[in-house]
């Protein structure tokens, strides 16, 4: 069984917990999309986000006669 846990790494206690958990690489696995480059379902990469935003801005400007 796997358990998903959120740890605030901006706190001292959170940093300590992460440090302790890293001692057990066979038991504890860290999923970090920034490192694994695997984008979770429902998320998009920054490149896709930029393309999407630019498209929406252009559609809005065309619809309202801006530019």
N, C-alpha and C. Protein backbone atom coordinates (compact mmCIF):
# COMPACT_ATOMS: atom_id res chain seq x y z
N UNK A 1 0.84 -1.17 0.00
CA UNK A 1 0.00 0.00 0.00
C UNK A 1 0.90 1.24 0.00
N UNK A 2 0.51 2.23 -0.77
CA UNK A 2 1.24 3.49 -0.84
C UNK A 2 0.40 4.59 -0.21
N UNK A 3 1.06 5.56 0.39
CA UNK A 3 0.40 6.68 1.04
C UNK A 3 0.97 7.97 0.47
N UNK A 4 0.11 8.86 0.02
CA UNK A 4 0.55 10.17 -0.45
C UNK A 4 0.55 11.14 0.72
N UNK A 5 1.65 11.84 0.89
CA UNK A 5 1.80 12.76 2.01
C UNK A 5 2.31 14.10 1.47
N UNK A 6 1.79 15.18 2.01
CA UNK A 6 2.28 16.51 1.66
C UNK A 6 3.07 17.04 2.84
N UNK A 7 4.31 17.43 2.60
CA UNK A 7 5.18 17.95 3.64
C UNK A 7 5.61 19.36 3.23
N UNK A 8 5.44 20.30 4.12
CA UNK A 8 5.85 21.68 3.85
C UNK A 8 7.36 21.77 4.05
N UNK A 9 8.08 21.83 2.95
CA UNK A 9 9.54 21.84 3.02
C UNK A 9 10.10 23.23 3.30
N UNK A 10 9.23 24.20 3.49
CA UNK A 10 9.69 25.55 3.84
C UNK A 10 9.85 25.70 5.35
N UNK A 11 9.40 24.69 6.10
CA UNK A 11 9.56 24.73 7.56
C UNK A 11 10.75 23.87 7.95
N UNK A 12 11.30 24.15 9.11
CA UNK A 12 12.44 23.39 9.61
C UNK A 12 12.05 21.93 9.84
N UNK A 13 10.87 21.71 10.42
CA UNK A 13 10.40 20.34 10.69
C UNK A 13 10.22 19.57 9.38
N UNK A 14 9.68 20.24 8.35
CA UNK A 14 9.50 19.59 7.06
C UNK A 14 10.83 19.18 6.44
N UNK A 15 11.82 20.04 6.54
CA UNK A 15 13.16 19.72 6.01
C UNK A 15 13.74 18.52 6.74
N UNK A 16 13.54 18.48 8.06
CA UNK A 16 14.05 17.36 8.85
C UNK A 16 13.37 16.05 8.44
N UNK A 17 12.06 16.11 8.24
CA UNK A 17 11.32 14.91 7.84
C UNK A 17 11.82 14.37 6.50
N UNK A 18 12.01 15.26 5.54
CA UNK A 18 12.50 14.84 4.22
C UNK A 18 13.89 14.20 4.36
N UNK A 19 14.74 14.83 5.14
CA UNK A 19 16.10 14.30 5.36
C UNK A 19 16.04 12.89 5.97
N UNK A 20 15.16 12.70 6.95
CA UNK A 20 15.03 11.40 7.58
C UNK A 20 14.47 10.36 6.62
N UNK A 21 13.48 10.73 5.83
CA UNK A 21 12.86 9.78 4.90
C UNK A 21 13.82 9.36 3.79
N UNK A 22 14.71 10.25 3.40
CA UNK A 22 15.67 9.92 2.33
C UNK A 22 16.65 8.83 2.76
N UNK A 23 16.68 8.51 4.03
CA UNK A 23 17.55 7.44 4.52
C UNK A 23 17.04 6.06 4.12
N UNK A 24 15.82 5.97 3.65
CA UNK A 24 15.17 4.69 3.33
C UNK A 24 14.76 4.63 1.85
N UNK A 25 15.73 4.63 0.93
CA UNK A 25 15.39 4.66 -0.49
C UNK A 25 14.66 3.42 -1.00
N UNK A 26 14.81 2.29 -0.32
CA UNK A 26 14.10 1.08 -0.75
C UNK A 26 12.63 1.12 -0.33
N UNK A 27 12.32 1.91 0.67
CA UNK A 27 10.96 1.96 1.20
C UNK A 27 10.22 3.23 0.81
N UNK A 28 10.94 4.35 0.77
CA UNK A 28 10.33 5.65 0.52
C UNK A 28 10.70 6.12 -0.88
N UNK A 29 9.68 6.49 -1.65
CA UNK A 29 9.89 6.99 -3.01
C UNK A 29 9.33 8.40 -3.09
N UNK A 30 10.11 9.33 -3.65
CA UNK A 30 9.67 10.70 -3.80
C UNK A 30 9.26 10.93 -5.25
N UNK A 31 8.05 11.42 -5.45
CA UNK A 31 7.57 11.77 -6.79
C UNK A 31 7.66 13.28 -6.92
N UNK A 32 8.58 13.72 -7.75
CA UNK A 32 8.75 15.15 -8.00
C UNK A 32 8.66 15.36 -9.50
N UNK A 33 7.53 15.91 -9.99
CA UNK A 33 7.36 16.10 -11.43
C UNK A 33 8.46 16.94 -12.06
N UNK A 34 9.04 17.85 -11.30
CA UNK A 34 10.11 18.69 -11.84
C UNK A 34 11.34 17.86 -12.16
N UNK A 35 11.59 16.82 -11.37
CA UNK A 35 12.75 15.98 -11.59
C UNK A 35 12.46 14.84 -12.57
N UNK A 36 11.29 14.23 -12.45
CA UNK A 36 10.97 13.08 -13.29
C UNK A 36 10.45 13.49 -14.67
N UNK A 37 10.05 14.75 -14.80
CA UNK A 37 9.49 15.30 -16.04
C UNK A 37 8.21 14.58 -16.45
N UNK A 38 7.55 13.91 -15.51
CA UNK A 38 6.26 13.29 -15.77
C UNK A 38 5.19 14.24 -15.26
N UNK A 39 4.36 14.72 -16.16
CA UNK A 39 3.34 15.70 -15.80
C UNK A 39 2.10 14.97 -15.28
N UNK A 40 1.67 15.30 -14.06
CA UNK A 40 0.47 14.65 -13.51
C UNK A 40 -0.76 14.93 -14.37
N UNK A 41 -1.72 14.04 -14.33
CA UNK A 41 -2.95 14.19 -15.09
C UNK A 41 -3.66 15.47 -14.65
N UNK A 42 -4.13 16.24 -15.62
CA UNK A 42 -4.82 17.49 -15.32
C UNK A 42 -3.89 18.70 -15.32
N UNK A 43 -2.59 18.47 -15.40
CA UNK A 43 -1.61 19.56 -15.44
C UNK A 43 -1.07 19.66 -16.85
N UNK A 44 -0.42 20.78 -17.15
CA UNK A 44 0.23 20.92 -18.45
C UNK A 44 1.61 21.54 -18.25
N UNK A 45 2.47 21.31 -19.22
CA UNK A 45 3.81 21.87 -19.14
C UNK A 45 3.73 23.38 -19.33
N UNK A 46 4.79 24.08 -18.95
CA UNK A 46 4.81 25.54 -19.10
C UNK A 46 4.74 25.93 -20.57
N UNK A 47 5.34 25.14 -21.45
CA UNK A 47 5.27 25.45 -22.88
C UNK A 47 3.84 25.35 -23.40
N UNK A 48 3.14 24.29 -23.02
CA UNK A 48 1.74 24.14 -23.45
C UNK A 48 0.87 25.24 -22.85
N UNK A 49 1.17 25.63 -21.61
CA UNK A 49 0.42 26.70 -20.97
C UNK A 49 0.58 28.01 -21.73
N UNK A 50 1.81 28.34 -22.10
CA UNK A 50 2.05 29.58 -22.85
C UNK A 50 1.31 29.58 -24.18
N UNK A 51 1.37 28.46 -24.90
CA UNK A 51 0.68 28.37 -26.18
C UNK A 51 -0.83 28.54 -25.98
N UNK A 52 -1.37 27.90 -24.95
CA UNK A 52 -2.80 27.99 -24.66
C UNK A 52 -3.20 29.42 -24.32
N UNK A 53 -2.42 30.11 -23.49
CA UNK A 53 -2.74 31.48 -23.09
C UNK A 53 -2.66 32.41 -24.29
N UNK A 54 -1.63 32.28 -25.11
CA UNK A 54 -1.50 33.14 -26.29
C UNK A 54 -2.68 32.94 -27.23
N UNK A 55 -3.10 31.69 -27.41
CA UNK A 55 -4.25 31.40 -28.28
C UNK A 55 -5.51 32.06 -27.72
N UNK A 56 -5.73 31.94 -26.42
CA UNK A 56 -6.92 32.53 -25.80
C UNK A 56 -6.89 34.05 -25.88
N UNK A 57 -5.73 34.66 -25.71
CA UNK A 57 -5.61 36.12 -25.81
C UNK A 57 -5.93 36.56 -27.22
N UNK A 58 -5.39 35.86 -28.22
CA UNK A 58 -5.67 36.21 -29.61
C UNK A 58 -7.15 36.07 -29.94
N UNK A 59 -7.79 34.99 -29.46
CA UNK A 59 -9.21 34.80 -29.70
C UNK A 59 -10.02 35.93 -29.06
N UNK A 60 -9.67 36.32 -27.84
CA UNK A 60 -10.38 37.38 -27.14
C UNK A 60 -10.22 38.71 -27.89
N UNK A 61 -8.99 39.00 -28.31
CA UNK A 61 -8.73 40.25 -29.03
C UNK A 61 -9.49 40.27 -30.37
N UNK A 62 -9.51 39.15 -31.10
CA UNK A 62 -10.25 39.08 -32.36
C UNK A 62 -11.73 39.28 -32.12
N UNK A 63 -12.26 38.65 -31.09
CA UNK A 63 -13.69 38.73 -30.78
C UNK A 63 -14.11 40.15 -30.43
N UNK A 64 -13.26 40.89 -29.74
CA UNK A 64 -13.62 42.23 -29.25
C UNK A 64 -13.01 43.36 -30.08
N UNK A 65 -12.38 43.03 -31.19
CA UNK A 65 -11.83 44.02 -32.09
C UNK A 65 -10.63 44.78 -31.53
N UNK A 66 -9.91 44.11 -30.68
CA UNK A 66 -8.72 44.74 -30.09
C UNK A 66 -7.52 44.34 -30.94
N UNK A 67 -6.63 45.26 -31.16
CA UNK A 67 -5.42 45.07 -31.97
C UNK A 67 -5.78 44.97 -33.38
